[in-house]
Amino acid sequence: MNAVLARRTRPLRIGHMGAAGLAPANSAAAIDAALRVGVDLVELDVWRTADGHLVLAHFNWLPPEEAELAGAL
């Protein structure tokens, strides 16, 4: 076990996809919100696109309701 984790006196507070309940998931705003509410860690979903760029997105595909935005991505 990691020495830092072994010394913890309370559970870790982890912001899933930033603070997805307070801002759009996996966004800079969600990361900022998570840090403002005092999380210990921020968990993000990172994917590499076919052309090699890194993007933050929960899935490695676009849901149908967002597919029309694909041209703007």
PDB file of N, CA and C in Angstrom:
ATOM      1  N   MET A   1       0.849  -1.178   0.000  1.00  0.00           N
ATOM      2  CA  MET A   1       0.000   0.000   0.000  1.00  0.00           C
ATOM      3  C   MET A   1       0.894   1.241   0.000  1.00  0.00           C
ATOM      4  N   ASN A   2       0.463   2.252  -0.717  1.00  0.00           N
ATOM      5  CA  ASN A   2       1.165   3.521  -0.783  1.00  0.00           C
ATOM      6  C   ASN A   2       1.269   4.129   0.614  1.00  0.00           C
ATOM      7  N   ALA A   3       2.458   4.640   0.975  1.00  0.00           N
ATOM      8  CA  ALA A   3       2.680   5.196   2.320  1.00  0.00           C
ATOM      9  C   ALA A   3       1.752   6.368   2.616  1.00  0.00           C
ATOM     10  N   VAL A   4       1.453   7.183   1.614  1.00  0.00           N
ATOM     11  CA  VAL A   4       0.539   8.321   1.821  1.00  0.00           C
ATOM     12  C   VAL A   4      -0.858   7.808   2.144  1.00  0.00           C
ATOM     13  N   LEU A   5      -1.322   6.825   1.414  1.00  0.00           N
ATOM     14  CA  LEU A   5      -2.653   6.274   1.679  1.00  0.00           C
ATOM     15  C   LEU A   5      -2.710   5.569   3.022  1.00  0.00           C
ATOM     16  N   ALA A   6      -1.640   4.941   3.437  1.00  0.00           N
ATOM     17  CA  ALA A   6      -1.614   4.225   4.713  1.00  0.00           C
ATOM     18  C   ALA A   6      -1.795   5.170   5.896  1.00  0.00           C
ATOM     19  N   ARG A   7      -1.381   6.426   5.761  1.00  0.00           N
ATOM     20  CA  ARG A   7      -1.483   7.402   6.857  1.00  0.00           C
ATOM     21  C   ARG A   7      -2.819   8.132   6.898  1.00  0.00           C
ATOM     22  N   ARG A   8      -3.694   7.887   5.959  1.00  0.00           N
ATOM     23  CA  ARG A   8      -4.967   8.618   5.899  1.00  0.00           C
ATOM     24  C   ARG A   8      -5.829   8.288   7.114  1.00  0.00           C
ATOM     25  N   THR A   9      -6.505   9.290   7.630  1.00  0.00           N
ATOM     26  CA  THR A   9      -7.399   9.085   8.769  1.00  0.00           C
ATOM     27  C   THR A   9      -8.866   9.125   8.356  1.00  0.00           C
ATOM     28  N   ARG A  10      -9.121   9.382   7.079  1.00  0.00           N
ATOM     29  CA  ARG A  10     -10.494   9.401   6.565  1.00  0.00           C
ATOM     30  C   ARG A  10     -10.467   8.888   5.130  1.00  0.00           C
ATOM     31  N   PRO A  11     -11.613   8.500   4.607  1.00  0.00           N
ATOM     32  CA  PRO A  11     -11.656   8.038   3.213  1.00  0.00           C
ATOM     33  C   PRO A  11     -11.272   9.150   2.247  1.00  0.00           C
ATOM     34  N   LEU A  12     -10.726   8.765   1.112  1.00  0.00           N
ATOM     35  CA  LEU A  12     -10.441   9.731   0.060  1.00  0.00           C
ATOM     36  C   LEU A  12     -11.744  10.236  -0.537  1.00  0.00           C
ATOM     37  N   ARG A  13     -11.778  11.524  -0.856  1.00  0.00           N
ATOM     38  CA  ARG A  13     -12.920  12.098  -1.568  1.00  0.00           C
ATOM     39  C   ARG A  13     -12.477  12.277  -3.016  1.00  0.00           C
ATOM     40  N   ILE A  14     -13.110  11.523  -3.913  1.00  0.00           N
ATOM     41  CA  ILE A  14     -12.715  11.527  -5.313  1.00  0.00           C
ATOM     42  C   ILE A  14     -13.844  12.105  -6.152  1.00  0.00           C
ATOM     43  N   GLY A  15     -13.521  13.120  -6.941  1.00  0.00           N
ATOM     44  CA  GLY A  15     -14.499  13.722  -7.838  1.00  0.00           C
ATOM     45  C   GLY A  15     -14.560  12.931  -9.135  1.00  0.00           C
ATOM     46  N   HIS A  16     -15.675  12.224  -9.356  1.00  0.00           N
ATOM     47  CA  HIS A  16     -15.847  11.398 -10.562  1.00  0.00           C
ATOM     48  C   HIS A  16     -16.176  12.301 -11.744  1.00  0.00           C
ATOM     49  N   MET A  17     -15.329  12.280 -12.778  1.00  0.00           N
ATOM     50  CA  MET A  17     -15.463  13.140 -13.958  1.00  0.00           C
ATOM     51  C   MET A  17     -15.444  14.610 -13.530  1.00  0.00           C
ATOM     52  N   GLY A  18     -14.581  14.924 -12.567  1.00  0.00           N
ATOM     53  CA  GLY A  18     -14.567  16.255 -11.964  1.00  0.00           C
ATOM     54  C   GLY A  18     -15.651  16.271 -10.908  1.00  0.00           C
ATOM     55  N   ALA A  19     -16.514  17.257 -10.989  1.00  0.00           N
ATOM     56  CA  ALA A  19     -17.720  17.289 -10.151  1.00  0.00           C
ATOM     57  C   ALA A  19     -18.889  17.326 -11.124  1.00  0.00           C
ATOM     58  N   ALA A  20     -19.152  16.177 -11.747  1.00  0.00           N
ATOM     59  CA  ALA A  20     -20.124  16.095 -12.835  1.00  0.00           C
ATOM     60  C   ALA A  20     -21.530  16.534 -12.417  1.00  0.00           C
ATOM     61  N   GLY A  21     -21.830  16.488 -11.139  1.00  0.00           N
ATOM     62  CA  GLY A  21     -23.137  16.954 -10.682  1.00  0.00           C
ATOM     63  C   GLY A  21     -23.237  18.463 -10.594  1.00  0.00           C
ATOM     64  N   LEU A  22     -22.090  19.146 -10.686  1.00  0.00           N
ATOM     65  CA  LEU A  22     -22.071  20.601 -10.567  1.00  0.00           C
ATOM     66  C   LEU A  22     -21.730  21.308 -11.874  1.00  0.00           C
ATOM     67  N   ALA A  23     -21.153  20.595 -12.823  1.00  0.00           N
ATOM     68  CA  ALA A  23     -20.728  21.177 -14.098  1.00  0.00           C
ATOM     69  C   ALA A  23     -20.670  20.055 -15.128  1.00  0.00           C
ATOM     70  N   PRO A  24     -20.570  20.387 -16.420  1.00  0.00           N
ATOM     71  CA  PRO A  24     -20.494  19.327 -17.430  1.00  0.00           C
ATOM     72  C   PRO A  24     -19.335  18.354 -17.144  1.00  0.00           C
ATOM     73  N   ALA A  25     -19.630  17.067 -17.216  1.00  0.00           N
ATOM     74  CA  ALA A  25     -18.643  16.028 -16.908  1.00  0.00           C
ATOM     75  C   ALA A  25     -17.372  16.193 -17.723  1.00  0.00           C
ATOM     76  N   ASN A  26     -16.241  15.911 -17.090  1.00  0.00           N
ATOM     77  CA  ASN A  26     -14.927  15.922 -17.739  1.00  0.00           C
ATOM     78  C   ASN A  26     -14.564  17.275 -18.338  1.00  0.00           C
ATOM     79  N   SER A  27     -15.093  18.354 -17.787  1.00  0.00           N
ATOM     80  CA  SER A  27     -14.789  19.690 -18.305  1.00  0.00           C
ATOM     81  C   SER A  27     -13.899  20.438 -17.313  1.00  0.00           C
ATOM     82  N   ALA A  28     -13.288  21.526 -17.786  1.00  0.00           N
ATOM     83  CA  ALA A  28     -12.484  22.362 -16.892  1.00  0.00           C
ATOM     84  C   ALA A  28     -13.352  22.883 -15.747  1.00  0.00           C
ATOM     85  N   ALA A  29     -14.600  23.226 -16.057  1.00  0.00           N
ATOM     86  CA  ALA A  29     -15.513  23.713 -15.014  1.00  0.00           C
ATOM     87  C   ALA A  29     -15.769  22.633 -13.965  1.00  0.00           C
ATOM     88  N   ALA A  30     -15.877  21.370 -14.386  1.00  0.00           N
ATOM     89  CA  ALA A  30     -16.100  20.269 -13.440  1.00  0.00           C
ATOM     90  C   ALA A  30     -14.870  20.041 -12.570  1.00  0.00           C
ATOM     91  N   ILE A  31     -13.691  20.182 -13.151  1.00  0.00           N
ATOM     92  CA  ILE A  31     -12.457  20.040 -12.365  1.00  0.00           C
ATOM     93  C   ILE A  31     -12.376  21.166 -11.340  1.00  0.00           C
ATOM     94  N   ASP A  32     -12.633  22.394 -11.775  1.00  0.00           N
ATOM     95  CA  ASP A  32     -12.625  23.535 -10.842  1.00  0.00           C
ATOM     96  C   ASP A  32     -13.641  23.342  -9.726  1.00  0.00           C
ATOM     97  N   ALA A  33     -14.852  22.894 -10.072  1.00  0.00           N
ATOM     98  CA  ALA A  33     -15.895  22.695  -9.068  1.00  0.00           C
ATOM     99  C   ALA A  33     -15.473  21.633  -8.055  1.00  0.00           C
ATOM    100  N   ALA A  34     -14.870  20.559  -8.537  1.00  0.00           N
ATOM    101  CA  ALA A  34     -14.420  19.491  -7.641  1.00  0.00           C
ATOM    102  C   ALA A  34     -13.379  20.019  -6.652  1.00  0.00           C
ATOM    103  N   LEU A  35     -12.447  20.794  -7.148  1.00  0.00           N
ATOM    104  CA  LEU A  35     -11.419  21.345  -6.269  1.00  0.00           C
ATOM    105  C   LEU A  35     -12.017  22.337  -5.268  1.00  0.00           C
ATOM    106  N   ARG A  36     -13.011  23.116  -5.710  1.00  0.00           N
ATOM    107  CA  ARG A  36     -13.653  24.081  -4.801  1.00  0.00           C
ATOM    108  C   ARG A  36     -14.385  23.394  -3.656  1.00  0.00           C
ATOM    109  N   VAL A  37     -14.965  22.210  -3.912  1.00  0.00           N
ATOM    110  CA  VAL A  37     -15.697  21.522  -2.839  1.00  0.00           C
ATOM    111  C   VAL A  37     -14.788  20.649  -1.990  1.00  0.00           C
ATOM    112  N   GLY A  38     -13.489  20.601  -2.324  1.00  0.00           N
ATOM    113  CA  GLY A  38     -12.522  19.953  -1.448  1.00  0.00           C
ATOM    114  C   GLY A  38     -12.226  18.489  -1.694  1.00  0.00           C
ATOM    115  N   VAL A  39     -12.347  18.028  -2.935  1.00  0.00           N
ATOM    116  CA  VAL A  39     -11.992  16.633  -3.190  1.00  0.00           C
ATOM    117  C   VAL A  39     -10.483  16.444  -3.048  1.00  0.00           C
ATOM    118  N   ASP A  40     -10.088  15.207  -2.808  1.00  0.00           N
ATOM    119  CA  ASP A  40      -8.667  14.870  -2.710  1.00  0.00           C
ATOM    120  C   ASP A  40      -8.078  14.539  -4.082  1.00  0.00           C
ATOM    121  N   LEU A  41      -8.895  13.921  -4.921  1.00  0.00           N
ATOM    122  CA  LEU A  41      -8.471  13.499  -6.260  1.00  0.00           C
ATOM    123  C   LEU A  41      -9.585  13.789  -7.248  1.00  0.00           C
ATOM    124  N   VAL A  42      -9.212  13.986  -8.502  1.00  0.00           N
ATOM    125  CA  VAL A  42     -10.185  14.125  -9.577  1.00  0.00           C
ATOM    126  C   VAL A  42      -9.953  12.976 -10.549  1.00  0.00           C
ATOM    127  N   GLU A  43     -11.009  12.212 -10.823  1.00  0.00           N
ATOM    128  CA  GLU A  43     -10.932  11.097 -11.770  1.00  0.00           C
ATOM    129  C   GLU A  43     -11.505  11.579 -13.092  1.00  0.00           C
ATOM    130  N   LEU A  44     -10.731  11.412 -14.160  1.00  0.00           N
ATOM    131  CA  LEU A  44     -11.166  11.833 -15.489  1.00  0.00           C
ATOM    132  C   LEU A  44     -11.037  10.671 -16.460  1.00  0.00           C
ATOM    133  N   ASP A  45     -11.817  10.715 -17.519  1.00  0.00           N
ATOM    134  CA  ASP A  45     -11.745   9.709 -18.572  1.00  0.00           C
ATOM    135  C   ASP A  45     -11.013  10.335 -19.755  1.00  0.00           C
ATOM    136  N   VAL A  46      -9.844   9.802 -20.082  1.00  0.00           N
ATOM    137  CA  VAL A  46      -9.023  10.339 -21.164  1.00  0.00           C
ATOM    138  C   VAL A  46      -8.956   9.307 -22.286  1.00  0.00           C
ATOM    139  N   TRP A  47      -9.216   9.768 -23.508  1.00  0.00           N
ATOM    140  CA  TRP A  47      -9.169   8.907 -24.689  1.00  0.00           C
ATOM    141  C   TRP A  47      -8.247   9.542 -25.722  1.00  0.00           C
ATOM    142  N   ARG A  48      -7.605   8.700 -26.528  1.00  0.00           N
ATOM    143  CA  ARG A  48      -6.796   9.182 -27.644  1.00  0.00           C
ATOM    144  C   ARG A  48      -7.615   9.033 -28.918  1.00  0.00           C
ATOM    145  N   THR A  49      -7.719  10.118 -29.686  1.00  0.00           N
ATOM    146  CA  THR A  49      -8.462  10.077 -30.938  1.00  0.00           C
ATOM    147  C   THR A  49      -7.646   9.350 -32.003  1.00  0.00           C
ATOM    148  N   ALA A  50      -8.291   9.031 -33.110  1.00  0.00           N
ATOM    149  CA  ALA A  50      -7.615   8.323 -34.199  1.00  0.00           C
ATOM    150  C   ALA A  50      -6.430   9.119 -34.734  1.00  0.00           C
ATOM    151  N   ASP A  51      -6.508  10.455 -34.646  1.00  0.00           N
ATOM    152  CA  ASP A  51      -5.393  11.273 -35.135  1.00  0.00           C
ATOM    153  C   ASP A  51      -4.405  11.645 -34.029  1.00  0.00           C
ATOM    154  N   GLY A  52      -4.511  10.990 -32.861  1.00  0.00           N
ATOM    155  CA  GLY A  52      -3.505  11.130 -31.819  1.00  0.00           C
ATOM    156  C   GLY A  52      -3.745  12.182 -30.754  1.00  0.00           C
ATOM    157  N   HIS A  53      -4.849  12.921 -30.815  1.00  0.00           N
ATOM    158  CA  HIS A  53      -5.139  13.926 -29.793  1.00  0.00           C
ATOM    159  C   HIS A  53      -5.744  13.270 -28.560  1.00  0.00           C
ATOM    160  N   LEU A  54      -5.543  13.878 -27.405  1.00  0.00           N
ATOM    161  CA  LEU A  54      -6.167  13.407 -26.165  1.00  0.00           C
ATOM    162  C   LEU A  54      -7.414  14.232 -25.897  1.00  0.00           C
ATOM    163  N   VAL A  55      -8.491  13.558 -25.524  1.00  0.00           N
ATOM    164  CA  VAL A  55      -9.745  14.240 -25.201  1.00  0.00           C
ATOM    165  C   VAL A  55     -10.296  13.678 -23.897  1.00  0.00           C
ATOM    166  N   LEU A  56     -11.044  14.502 -23.186  1.00  0.00           N
ATOM    167  CA  LEU A  56     -11.745  14.066 -21.979  1.00  0.00           C
ATOM    168  C   LEU A  56     -13.177  13.764 -22.372  1.00  0.00           C
ATOM    169  N   ALA A  57     -13.594  12.528 -22.187  1.00  0.00           N
ATOM    170  CA  ALA A  57     -14.957  12.113 -22.510  1.00  0.00           C
ATOM    171  C   ALA A  57     -15.242  10.829 -21.741  1.00  0.00           C
ATOM    172  N   HIS A  58     -16.470  10.671 -21.297  1.00  0.00           N
ATOM    173  CA  HIS A  58     -16.799   9.476 -20.510  1.00  0.00           C
ATOM    174  C   HIS A  58     -16.752   8.214 -21.361  1.00  0.00           C
ATOM    175  N   PHE A  59     -17.234   8.297 -22.590  1.00  0.00           N
ATOM    176  CA  PHE A  59     -17.237   7.143 -23.490  1.00  0.00           C
ATOM    177  C   PHE A  59     -16.289   7.404 -24.656  1.00  0.00           C
ATOM    178  N   ASN A  60     -15.895   6.362 -25.356  1.00  0.00           N
ATOM    179  CA  ASN A  60     -15.038   6.547 -26.525  1.00  0.00           C
ATOM    180  C   ASN A  60     -15.865   6.654 -27.801  1.00  0.00           C
ATOM    181  N   TRP A  61     -17.126   7.039 -27.649  1.00  0.00           N
ATOM    182  CA  TRP A  61     -18.033   7.273 -28.762  1.00  0.00           C
ATOM    183  C   TRP A  61     -18.979   8.390 -28.358  1.00  0.00           C
ATOM    184  N   LEU A  62     -19.621   9.012 -29.336  1.00  0.00           N
ATOM    185  CA  LEU A  62     -20.583  10.071 -29.045  1.00  0.00           C
ATOM    186  C   LEU A  62     -21.985   9.485 -28.948  1.00  0.00           C
ATOM    187  N   PRO A  63     -22.718   9.819 -27.891  1.00  0.00           N
ATOM    188  CA  PRO A  63     -24.110   9.382 -27.810  1.00  0.00           C
ATOM    189  C   PRO A  63     -24.898   9.997 -28.977  1.00  0.00           C
ATOM    190  N   PRO A  64     -25.974   9.352 -29.419  1.00  0.00           N
ATOM    191  CA  PRO A  64     -26.742   9.866 -30.567  1.00  0.00           C
ATOM    192  C   PRO A  64     -27.135  11.333 -30.439  1.00  0.00           C
ATOM    193  N   GLU A  65     -27.500  11.761 -29.231  1.00  0.00           N
ATOM    194  CA  GLU A  65     -27.925  13.159 -29.064  1.00  0.00           C
ATOM    195  C   GLU A  65     -26.781  14.147 -29.238  1.00  0.00           C
ATOM    196  N   GLU A  66     -25.537  13.676 -29.216  1.00  0.00           N
ATOM    197  CA  GLU A  66     -24.386  14.559 -29.398  1.00  0.00           C
ATOM    198  C   GLU A  66     -23.699  14.335 -30.752  1.00  0.00           C
ATOM    199  N   ALA A  67     -24.119  13.317 -31.492  1.00  0.00           N
ATOM    200  CA  ALA A  67     -23.464  12.988 -32.747  1.00  0.00           C
ATOM    201  C   ALA A  67     -23.513  14.131 -33.745  1.00  0.00           C
ATOM    202  N   GLU A  68     -24.574  14.932 -33.696  1.00  0.00           N
ATOM    203  CA  GLU A  68     -24.671  16.059 -34.633  1.00  0.00           C
ATOM    204  C   GLU A  68     -23.580  17.096 -34.373  1.00  0.00           C
ATOM    205  N   LEU A  69     -22.965  17.080 -33.197  1.00  0.00           N
ATOM    206  CA  LEU A  69     -21.894  18.029 -32.872  1.00  0.00           C
ATOM    207  C   LEU A  69     -20.527  17.547 -33.371  1.00  0.00           C
ATOM    208  N   ALA A  70     -20.470  16.331 -33.879  1.00  0.00           N
ATOM    209  CA  ALA A  70     -19.178  15.736 -34.246  1.00  0.00           C
ATOM    210  C   ALA A  70     -18.382  16.602 -35.196  1.00  0.00           C
ATOM    211  N   GLY A  71     -19.048  17.290 -36.090  1.00  0.00           N
ATOM    212  CA  GLY A  71     -18.332  18.152 -37.023  1.00  0.00           C
ATOM    213  C   GLY A  71     -17.610  19.288 -36.320  1.00  0.00           C
ATOM    214  N   ALA A  72     -18.104  19.693 -35.149  1.00  0.00           N
ATOM    215  CA  ALA A  72     -17.500  20.801 -34.416  1.00  0.00           C
ATOM    216  C   ALA A  72     -16.369  20.345 -33.508  1.00  0.00           C
ATOM    217  N   LEU A  73     -16.218  19.038 -33.333  1.00  0.00           N
ATOM    218  CA  LEU A  73     -15.195  18.535 -32.417  1.00  0.00           C
ATOM    219  C   LEU A  73     -13.834  18.488 -33.056  1.00  0.00           C
TER     220      LEU A  73
END
